[in-house]
Amino acid sequence: MPTVLGQDGFRVVIYAPSREHGPPHAHVWKAGREVIIELPLPGGSQRIRVVAGMRPPDVAKAFRIVENHVELLLRCWRKYHG
């Protein structure tokens, strides 16, 4: 599971196939808790898919981290998933 970004105690992970599937998304971890955020496709928007125990302020921070690095994360997704 490659960590592609770390910031402010958050770890952003893009899992590789065959464990993972579309649509493009990132797993964001902090303190053993996770939020899965779908990456925006052309004409679409970023959205939260799953929250697993993460506190709302941390979910908001994770969302902003992904939003601020979305181009990098989409490049990483394409690298692993084509």
PDB file of N, CA and C in Angstrom:
ATOM      1  N   MET A   1       0.837  -1.174   0.000  1.00  0.00           N
ATOM      2  CA  MET A   1       0.000   0.000   0.000  1.00  0.00           C
ATOM      3  C   MET A   1       0.879   1.232   0.000  1.00  0.00           C
ATOM      4  N   PRO A   2       1.080   1.833  -1.143  1.00  0.00           N
ATOM      5  CA  PRO A   2       1.969   2.982  -1.225  1.00  0.00           C
ATOM      6  C   PRO A   2       1.343   4.240  -0.616  1.00  0.00           C
ATOM      7  N   THR A   3       2.054   4.803   0.343  1.00  0.00           N
ATOM      8  CA  THR A   3       1.669   6.113   0.857  1.00  0.00           C
ATOM      9  C   THR A   3       2.177   7.131  -0.142  1.00  0.00           C
ATOM     10  N   VAL A   4       1.283   7.940  -0.675  1.00  0.00           N
ATOM     11  CA  VAL A   4       1.681   8.889  -1.702  1.00  0.00           C
ATOM     12  C   VAL A   4       1.804  10.304  -1.156  1.00  0.00           C
ATOM     13  N   LEU A   5       1.322  10.516   0.077  1.00  0.00           N
ATOM     14  CA  LEU A   5       1.376  11.857   0.646  1.00  0.00           C
ATOM     15  C   LEU A   5       1.220  11.749   2.153  1.00  0.00           C
ATOM     16  N   GLY A   6       1.997  12.511   2.864  1.00  0.00           N
ATOM     17  CA  GLY A   6       1.849  12.626   4.304  1.00  0.00           C
ATOM     18  C   GLY A   6       1.830  14.095   4.684  1.00  0.00           C
ATOM     19  N   GLN A   7       0.884  14.472   5.542  1.00  0.00           N
ATOM     20  CA  GLN A   7       0.786  15.881   5.934  1.00  0.00           C
ATOM     21  C   GLN A   7       0.009  15.987   7.252  1.00  0.00           C
ATOM     22  N   ASP A   8       0.556  16.722   8.198  1.00  0.00           N
ATOM     23  CA  ASP A   8      -0.140  17.033   9.452  1.00  0.00           C
ATOM     24  C   ASP A   8      -0.667  15.798  10.169  1.00  0.00           C
ATOM     25  N   GLY A   9       0.071  14.706  10.133  1.00  0.00           N
ATOM     26  CA  GLY A   9      -0.355  13.482  10.796  1.00  0.00           C
ATOM     27  C   GLY A   9      -1.282  12.610   9.974  1.00  0.00           C
ATOM     28  N   PHE A  10      -1.613  13.038   8.770  1.00  0.00           N
ATOM     29  CA  PHE A  10      -2.458  12.267   7.864  1.00  0.00           C
ATOM     30  C   PHE A  10      -1.567  11.509   6.881  1.00  0.00           C
ATOM     31  N   ARG A  11      -2.022  10.331   6.494  1.00  0.00           N
ATOM     32  CA  ARG A  11      -1.314   9.519   5.506  1.00  0.00           C
ATOM     33  C   ARG A  11      -2.302   9.209   4.395  1.00  0.00           C
ATOM     34  N   VAL A  12      -1.967   9.616   3.164  1.00  0.00           N
ATOM     35  CA  VAL A  12      -2.843   9.412   2.011  1.00  0.00           C
ATOM     36  C   VAL A  12      -2.299   8.238   1.208  1.00  0.00           C
ATOM     37  N   VAL A  13      -3.170   7.254   0.975  1.00  0.00           N
ATOM     38  CA  VAL A  13      -2.776   5.997   0.347  1.00  0.00           C
ATOM     39  C   VAL A  13      -3.640   5.756  -0.892  1.00  0.00           C
ATOM     40  N   ILE A  14      -2.992   5.282  -1.951  1.00  0.00           N
ATOM     41  CA  ILE A  14      -3.690   4.781  -3.138  1.00  0.00           C
ATOM     42  C   ILE A  14      -3.314   3.303  -3.233  1.00  0.00           C
ATOM     43  N   TYR A  15      -4.283   2.429  -3.047  1.00  0.00           N
ATOM     44  CA  TYR A  15      -4.024   0.995  -3.136  1.00  0.00           C
ATOM     45  C   TYR A  15      -3.944   0.585  -4.602  1.00  0.00           C
ATOM     46  N   ALA A  16      -3.135  -0.435  -4.852  1.00  0.00           N
ATOM     47  CA  ALA A  16      -2.946  -0.936  -6.212  1.00  0.00           C
ATOM     48  C   ALA A  16      -3.925  -2.070  -6.506  1.00  0.00           C
ATOM     49  N   PRO A  17      -4.185  -2.322  -7.804  1.00  0.00           N
ATOM     50  CA  PRO A  17      -4.992  -3.486  -8.156  1.00  0.00           C
ATOM     51  C   PRO A  17      -4.260  -4.741  -7.674  1.00  0.00           C
ATOM     52  N   SER A  18      -4.814  -5.788  -7.438  1.00  0.00           N
ATOM     53  CA  SER A  18      -6.184  -6.211  -7.573  1.00  0.00           C
ATOM     54  C   SER A  18      -7.007  -5.938  -6.325  1.00  0.00           C
ATOM     55  N   ARG A  19      -6.396  -5.364  -5.309  1.00  0.00           N
ATOM     56  CA  ARG A  19      -7.111  -5.050  -4.074  1.00  0.00           C
ATOM     57  C   ARG A  19      -8.107  -3.918  -4.289  1.00  0.00           C
ATOM     58  N   GLU A  20      -7.878  -3.095  -5.262  1.00  0.00           N
ATOM     59  CA  GLU A  20      -8.634  -1.860  -5.407  1.00  0.00           C
ATOM     60  C   GLU A  20      -9.358  -1.796  -6.736  1.00  0.00           C
ATOM     61  N   HIS A  21     -10.310  -0.901  -6.828  1.00  0.00           N
ATOM     62  CA  HIS A  21     -11.148  -0.750  -8.008  1.00  0.00           C
ATOM     63  C   HIS A  21     -11.569   0.712  -8.119  1.00  0.00           C
ATOM     64  N   GLY A  22     -12.150   1.068  -9.272  1.00  0.00           N
ATOM     65  CA  GLY A  22     -12.606   2.426  -9.476  1.00  0.00           C
ATOM     66  C   GLY A  22     -13.915   2.689  -8.767  1.00  0.00           C
ATOM     67  N   PRO A  23     -14.368   3.911  -8.784  1.00  0.00           N
ATOM     68  CA  PRO A  23     -13.758   5.086  -9.392  1.00  0.00           C
ATOM     69  C   PRO A  23     -12.532   5.536  -8.599  1.00  0.00           C
ATOM     70  N   PRO A  24     -11.724   6.422  -9.180  1.00  0.00           N
ATOM     71  CA  PRO A  24     -10.509   6.888  -8.506  1.00  0.00           C
ATOM     72  C   PRO A  24     -10.832   7.466  -7.126  1.00  0.00           C
ATOM     73  N   HIS A  25     -10.048   7.029  -6.139  1.00  0.00           N
ATOM     74  CA  HIS A  25     -10.249   7.512  -4.784  1.00  0.00           C
ATOM     75  C   HIS A  25      -8.967   7.343  -3.982  1.00  0.00           C
ATOM     76  N   ALA A  26      -8.931   7.993  -2.843  1.00  0.00           N
ATOM     77  CA  ALA A  26      -7.791   7.907  -1.936  1.00  0.00           C
ATOM     78  C   ALA A  26      -8.293   7.511  -0.556  1.00  0.00           C
ATOM     79  N   HIS A  27      -7.482   6.747   0.143  1.00  0.00           N
ATOM     80  CA  HIS A  27      -7.737   6.397   1.539  1.00  0.00           C
ATOM     81  C   HIS A  27      -6.876   7.333   2.379  1.00  0.00           C
ATOM     82  N   VAL A  28      -7.485   8.025   3.311  1.00  0.00           N
ATOM     83  CA  VAL A  28      -6.743   8.942   4.177  1.00  0.00           C
ATOM     84  C   VAL A  28      -6.845   8.409   5.599  1.00  0.00           C
ATOM     85  N   TRP A  29      -5.686   8.202   6.215  1.00  0.00           N
ATOM     86  CA  TRP A  29      -5.593   7.623   7.549  1.00  0.00           C
ATOM     87  C   TRP A  29      -5.032   8.639   8.539  1.00  0.00           C
ATOM     88  N   LYS A  30      -5.558   8.596   9.756  1.00  0.00           N
ATOM     89  CA  LYS A  30      -4.973   9.341  10.873  1.00  0.00           C
ATOM     90  C   LYS A  30      -5.367   8.618  12.156  1.00  0.00           C
ATOM     91  N   ALA A  31      -4.378   8.298  12.969  1.00  0.00           N
ATOM     92  CA  ALA A  31      -4.603   7.663  14.272  1.00  0.00           C
ATOM     93  C   ALA A  31      -5.455   6.396  14.154  1.00  0.00           C
ATOM     94  N   GLY A  32      -5.203   5.598  13.105  1.00  0.00           N
ATOM     95  CA  GLY A  32      -5.915   4.347  12.933  1.00  0.00           C
ATOM     96  C   GLY A  32      -7.338   4.479  12.414  1.00  0.00           C
ATOM     97  N   ARG A  33      -7.723   5.692  12.053  1.00  0.00           N
ATOM     98  CA  ARG A  33      -9.067   5.941  11.523  1.00  0.00           C
ATOM     99  C   ARG A  33      -8.940   6.359  10.055  1.00  0.00           C
ATOM    100  N   GLU A  34     -10.006   6.115   9.302  1.00  0.00           N
ATOM    101  CA  GLU A  34      -9.904   6.281   7.851  1.00  0.00           C
ATOM    102  C   GLU A  34     -11.112   7.018   7.287  1.00  0.00           C
ATOM    103  N   VAL A  35     -10.834   7.763   6.220  1.00  0.00           N
ATOM    104  CA  VAL A  35     -11.891   8.298   5.365  1.00  0.00           C
ATOM    105  C   VAL A  35     -11.479   7.988   3.924  1.00  0.00           C
ATOM    106  N   ILE A  36     -12.451   7.578   3.114  1.00  0.00           N
ATOM    107  CA  ILE A  36     -12.201   7.320   1.690  1.00  0.00           C
ATOM    108  C   ILE A  36     -12.845   8.460   0.916  1.00  0.00           C
ATOM    109  N   ILE A  37     -12.032   9.103   0.085  1.00  0.00           N
ATOM    110  CA  ILE A  37     -12.484  10.279  -0.663  1.00  0.00           C
ATOM    111  C   ILE A  37     -12.341  10.002  -2.148  1.00  0.00           C
ATOM    112  N   GLU A  38     -13.459  10.121  -2.859  1.00  0.00           N
ATOM    113  CA  GLU A  38     -13.427   9.945  -4.313  1.00  0.00           C
ATOM    114  C   GLU A  38     -12.802  11.174  -4.953  1.00  0.00           C
ATOM    115  N   LEU A  39     -11.919  10.924  -5.910  1.00  0.00           N
ATOM    116  CA  LEU A  39     -11.240  11.996  -6.627  1.00  0.00           C
ATOM    117  C   LEU A  39     -12.126  12.464  -7.775  1.00  0.00           C
ATOM    118  N   PRO A  40     -12.117  13.753  -8.063  1.00  0.00           N
ATOM    119  CA  PRO A  40     -13.016  14.258  -9.109  1.00  0.00           C
ATOM    120  C   PRO A  40     -12.548  13.852 -10.503  1.00  0.00           C
ATOM    121  N   LEU A  41     -13.477  13.346 -11.274  1.00  0.00           N
ATOM    122  CA  LEU A  41     -13.239  13.102 -12.691  1.00  0.00           C
ATOM    123  C   LEU A  41     -13.653  14.352 -13.454  1.00  0.00           C
ATOM    124  N   PRO A  42     -13.259  14.510 -14.722  1.00  0.00           N
ATOM    125  CA  PRO A  42     -13.665  15.706 -15.468  1.00  0.00           C
ATOM    126  C   PRO A  42     -15.172  15.929 -15.380  1.00  0.00           C
ATOM    127  N   GLY A  43     -15.550  17.123 -15.011  1.00  0.00           N
ATOM    128  CA  GLY A  43     -16.958  17.472 -14.876  1.00  0.00           C
ATOM    129  C   GLY A  43     -17.582  17.024 -13.565  1.00  0.00           C
ATOM    130  N   GLY A  44     -16.822  16.327 -12.729  1.00  0.00           N
ATOM    131  CA  GLY A  44     -17.352  15.832 -11.467  1.00  0.00           C
ATOM    132  C   GLY A  44     -16.793  16.588 -10.281  1.00  0.00           C
ATOM    133  N   SER A  45     -17.101  16.088  -9.107  1.00  0.00           N
ATOM    134  CA  SER A  45     -16.604  16.738  -7.902  1.00  0.00           C
ATOM    135  C   SER A  45     -16.070  15.691  -6.928  1.00  0.00           C
ATOM    136  N   GLN A  46     -15.224  16.142  -6.062  1.00  0.00           N
ATOM    137  CA  GLN A  46     -14.661  15.312  -5.016  1.00  0.00           C
ATOM    138  C   GLN A  46     -15.751  15.053  -3.974  1.00  0.00           C
ATOM    139  N   ARG A  47     -15.788  13.819  -3.434  1.00  0.00           N
ATOM    140  CA  ARG A  47     -16.789  13.547  -2.413  1.00  0.00           C
ATOM    141  C   ARG A  47     -16.305  12.478  -1.446  1.00  0.00           C
ATOM    142  N   ILE A  48     -16.868  12.485  -0.275  1.00  0.00           N
ATOM    143  CA  ILE A  48     -16.552  11.493   0.742  1.00  0.00           C
ATOM    144  C   ILE A  48     -17.389  10.250   0.478  1.00  0.00           C
ATOM    145  N   ARG A  49     -16.717   9.108   0.442  1.00  0.00           N
ATOM    146  CA  ARG A  49     -17.417   7.839   0.210  1.00  0.00           C
ATOM    147  C   ARG A  49     -17.700   7.126   1.536  1.00  0.00           C
ATOM    148  N   VAL A  50     -16.676   7.005   2.380  1.00  0.00           N
ATOM    149  CA  VAL A  50     -16.814   6.248   3.630  1.00  0.00           C
ATOM    150  C   VAL A  50     -16.023   6.955   4.720  1.00  0.00           C
ATOM    151  N   VAL A  51     -16.602   7.023   5.908  1.00  0.00           N
ATOM    152  CA  VAL A  51     -15.883   7.492   7.092  1.00  0.00           C
ATOM    153  C   VAL A  51     -15.857   6.332   8.073  1.00  0.00           C
ATOM    154  N   ALA A  52     -14.662   5.946   8.505  1.00  0.00           N
ATOM    155  CA  ALA A  52     -14.507   4.832   9.437  1.00  0.00           C
ATOM    156  C   ALA A  52     -13.866   5.333  10.730  1.00  0.00           C
ATOM    157  N   GLY A  53     -14.699   5.916  11.582  1.00  0.00           N
ATOM    158  CA  GLY A  53     -14.249   6.320  12.905  1.00  0.00           C
ATOM    159  C   GLY A  53     -13.534   7.651  13.006  1.00  0.00           C
ATOM    160  N   MET A  54     -13.297   8.311  11.897  1.00  0.00           N
ATOM    161  CA  MET A  54     -12.566   9.582  11.937  1.00  0.00           C
ATOM    162  C   MET A  54     -13.484  10.704  12.421  1.00  0.00           C
ATOM    163  N   ARG A  55     -12.958  11.543  13.282  1.00  0.00           N
ATOM    164  CA  ARG A  55     -13.720  12.676  13.815  1.00  0.00           C
ATOM    165  C   ARG A  55     -14.015  13.698  12.720  1.00  0.00           C
ATOM    166  N   PRO A  56     -15.176  14.361  12.787  1.00  0.00           N
ATOM    167  CA  PRO A  56     -15.544  15.339  11.747  1.00  0.00           C
ATOM    168  C   PRO A  56     -14.480  16.400  11.448  1.00  0.00           C
ATOM    169  N   PRO A  57     -13.796  16.981  12.453  1.00  0.00           N
ATOM    170  CA  PRO A  57     -12.756  17.968  12.092  1.00  0.00           C
ATOM    171  C   PRO A  57     -11.613  17.345  11.286  1.00  0.00           C
ATOM    172  N   ASP A  58     -11.282  16.085  11.589  1.00  0.00           N
ATOM    173  CA  ASP A  58     -10.229  15.405  10.831  1.00  0.00           C
ATOM    174  C   ASP A  58     -10.704  15.036   9.431  1.00  0.00           C
ATOM    175  N   VAL A  59     -11.979  14.679   9.298  1.00  0.00           N
ATOM    176  CA  VAL A  59     -12.539  14.414   7.970  1.00  0.00           C
ATOM    177  C   VAL A  59     -12.431  15.667   7.110  1.00  0.00           C
ATOM    178  N   ALA A  60     -12.789  16.810   7.683  1.00  0.00           N
ATOM    179  CA  ALA A  60     -12.712  18.077   6.942  1.00  0.00           C
ATOM    180  C   ALA A  60     -11.277  18.385   6.536  1.00  0.00           C
ATOM    181  N   LYS A  61     -10.326  18.156   7.445  1.00  0.00           N
ATOM    182  CA  LYS A  61      -8.911  18.408   7.133  1.00  0.00           C
ATOM    183  C   LYS A  61      -8.432  17.447   6.043  1.00  0.00           C
ATOM    184  N   ALA A  62      -8.819  16.175   6.143  1.00  0.00           N
ATOM    185  CA  ALA A  62      -8.438  15.195   5.115  1.00  0.00           C
ATOM    186  C   ALA A  62      -8.996  15.601   3.757  1.00  0.00           C
ATOM    187  N   PHE A  63     -10.237  16.066   3.742  1.00  0.00           N
ATOM    188  CA  PHE A  63     -10.870  16.504   2.493  1.00  0.00           C
ATOM    189  C   PHE A  63     -10.064  17.639   1.862  1.00  0.00           C
ATOM    190  N   ARG A  64      -9.646  18.599   2.690  1.00  0.00           N
ATOM    191  CA  ARG A  64      -8.853  19.728   2.169  1.00  0.00           C
ATOM    192  C   ARG A  64      -7.487  19.275   1.674  1.00  0.00           C
ATOM    193  N   ILE A  65      -6.859  18.341   2.375  1.00  0.00           N
ATOM    194  CA  ILE A  65      -5.556  17.836   1.929  1.00  0.00           C
ATOM    195  C   ILE A  65      -5.697  17.198   0.549  1.00  0.00           C
ATOM    196  N   VAL A  66      -6.713  16.366   0.378  1.00  0.00           N
ATOM    197  CA  VAL A  66      -6.932  15.725  -0.920  1.00  0.00           C
ATOM    198  C   VAL A  66      -7.238  16.782  -1.972  1.00  0.00           C
ATOM    199  N   GLU A  67      -8.083  17.728  -1.640  1.00  0.00           N
ATOM    200  CA  GLU A  67      -8.442  18.796  -2.577  1.00  0.00           C
ATOM    201  C   GLU A  67      -7.212  19.578  -3.032  1.00  0.00           C
ATOM    202  N   ASN A  68      -6.303  19.850  -2.104  1.00  0.00           N
ATOM    203  CA  ASN A  68      -5.104  20.629  -2.427  1.00  0.00           C
ATOM    204  C   ASN A  68      -4.059  19.840  -3.212  1.00  0.00           C
ATOM    205  N   HIS A  69      -4.191  18.512  -3.252  1.00  0.00           N
ATOM    206  CA  HIS A  69      -3.204  17.675  -3.944  1.00  0.00           C
ATOM    207  C   HIS A  69      -3.853  16.751  -4.966  1.00  0.00           C
ATOM    208  N   VAL A  70      -5.018  17.140  -5.452  1.00  0.00           N
ATOM    209  CA  VAL A  70      -5.796  16.249  -6.309  1.00  0.00           C
ATOM    210  C   VAL A  70      -5.056  15.865  -7.597  1.00  0.00           C
ATOM    211  N   GLU A  71      -4.311  16.765  -8.186  1.00  0.00           N
ATOM    212  CA  GLU A  71      -3.586  16.420  -9.432  1.00  0.00           C
ATOM    213  C   GLU A  71      -2.547  15.334  -9.164  1.00  0.00           C
ATOM    214  N   LEU A  72      -1.792  15.457  -8.087  1.00  0.00           N
ATOM    215  CA  LEU A  72      -0.820  14.437  -7.707  1.00  0.00           C
ATOM    216  C   LEU A  72      -1.524  13.105  -7.468  1.00  0.00           C
ATOM    217  N   LEU A  73      -2.628  13.120  -6.754  1.00  0.00           N
ATOM    218  CA  LEU A  73      -3.333  11.887  -6.431  1.00  0.00           C
ATOM    219  C   LEU A  73      -3.921  11.228  -7.675  1.00  0.00           C
ATOM    220  N   LEU A  74      -4.443  12.016  -8.590  1.00  0.00           N
ATOM    221  CA  LEU A  74      -4.939  11.443  -9.848  1.00  0.00           C
ATOM    222  C   LEU A  74      -3.804  10.848 -10.677  1.00  0.00           C
ATOM    223  N   ARG A  75      -2.645  11.494 -10.685  1.00  0.00           N
ATOM    224  CA  ARG A  75      -1.478  10.925 -11.390  1.00  0.00           C
ATOM    225  C   ARG A  75      -1.097   9.588 -10.764  1.00  0.00           C
ATOM    226  N   CYS A  76      -1.088   9.519  -9.450  1.00  0.00           N
ATOM    227  CA  CYS A  76      -0.747   8.267  -8.765  1.00  0.00           C
ATOM    228  C   CYS A  76      -1.780   7.189  -9.073  1.00  0.00           C
ATOM    229  N   TRP A  77      -3.060   7.559  -9.069  1.00  0.00           N
ATOM    230  CA  TRP A  77      -4.113   6.592  -9.400  1.00  0.00           C
ATOM    231  C   TRP A  77      -3.875   6.019 -10.796  1.00  0.00           C
ATOM    232  N   ARG A  78      -3.622   6.904 -11.770  1.00  0.00           N
ATOM    233  CA  ARG A  78      -3.398   6.446 -13.144  1.00  0.00           C
ATOM    234  C   ARG A  78      -2.146   5.579 -13.244  1.00  0.00           C
ATOM    235  N   LYS A  79      -1.134   5.894 -12.462  1.00  0.00           N
ATOM    236  CA  LYS A  79       0.099   5.105 -12.469  1.00  0.00           C
ATOM    237  C   LYS A  79      -0.189   3.659 -12.054  1.00  0.00           C
ATOM    238  N   TYR A  80      -1.009   3.474 -11.037  1.00  0.00           N
ATOM    239  CA  TYR A  80      -1.309   2.148 -10.526  1.00  0.00           C
ATOM    240  C   TYR A  80      -2.445   1.452 -11.278  1.00  0.00           C
ATOM    241  N   HIS A  81      -3.388   2.223 -11.810  1.00  0.00           N
ATOM    242  CA  HIS A  81      -4.596   1.630 -12.386  1.00  0.00           C
ATOM    243  C   HIS A  81      -4.736   1.846 -13.893  1.00  0.00           C
ATOM    244  N   GLY A  82      -3.826   2.603 -14.479  1.00  0.00           N
ATOM    245  CA  GLY A  82      -3.886   2.852 -15.909  1.00  0.00           C
ATOM    246  C   GLY A  82      -4.813   3.945 -16.317  1.00  0.00           C
TER     247      GLY A  82
END
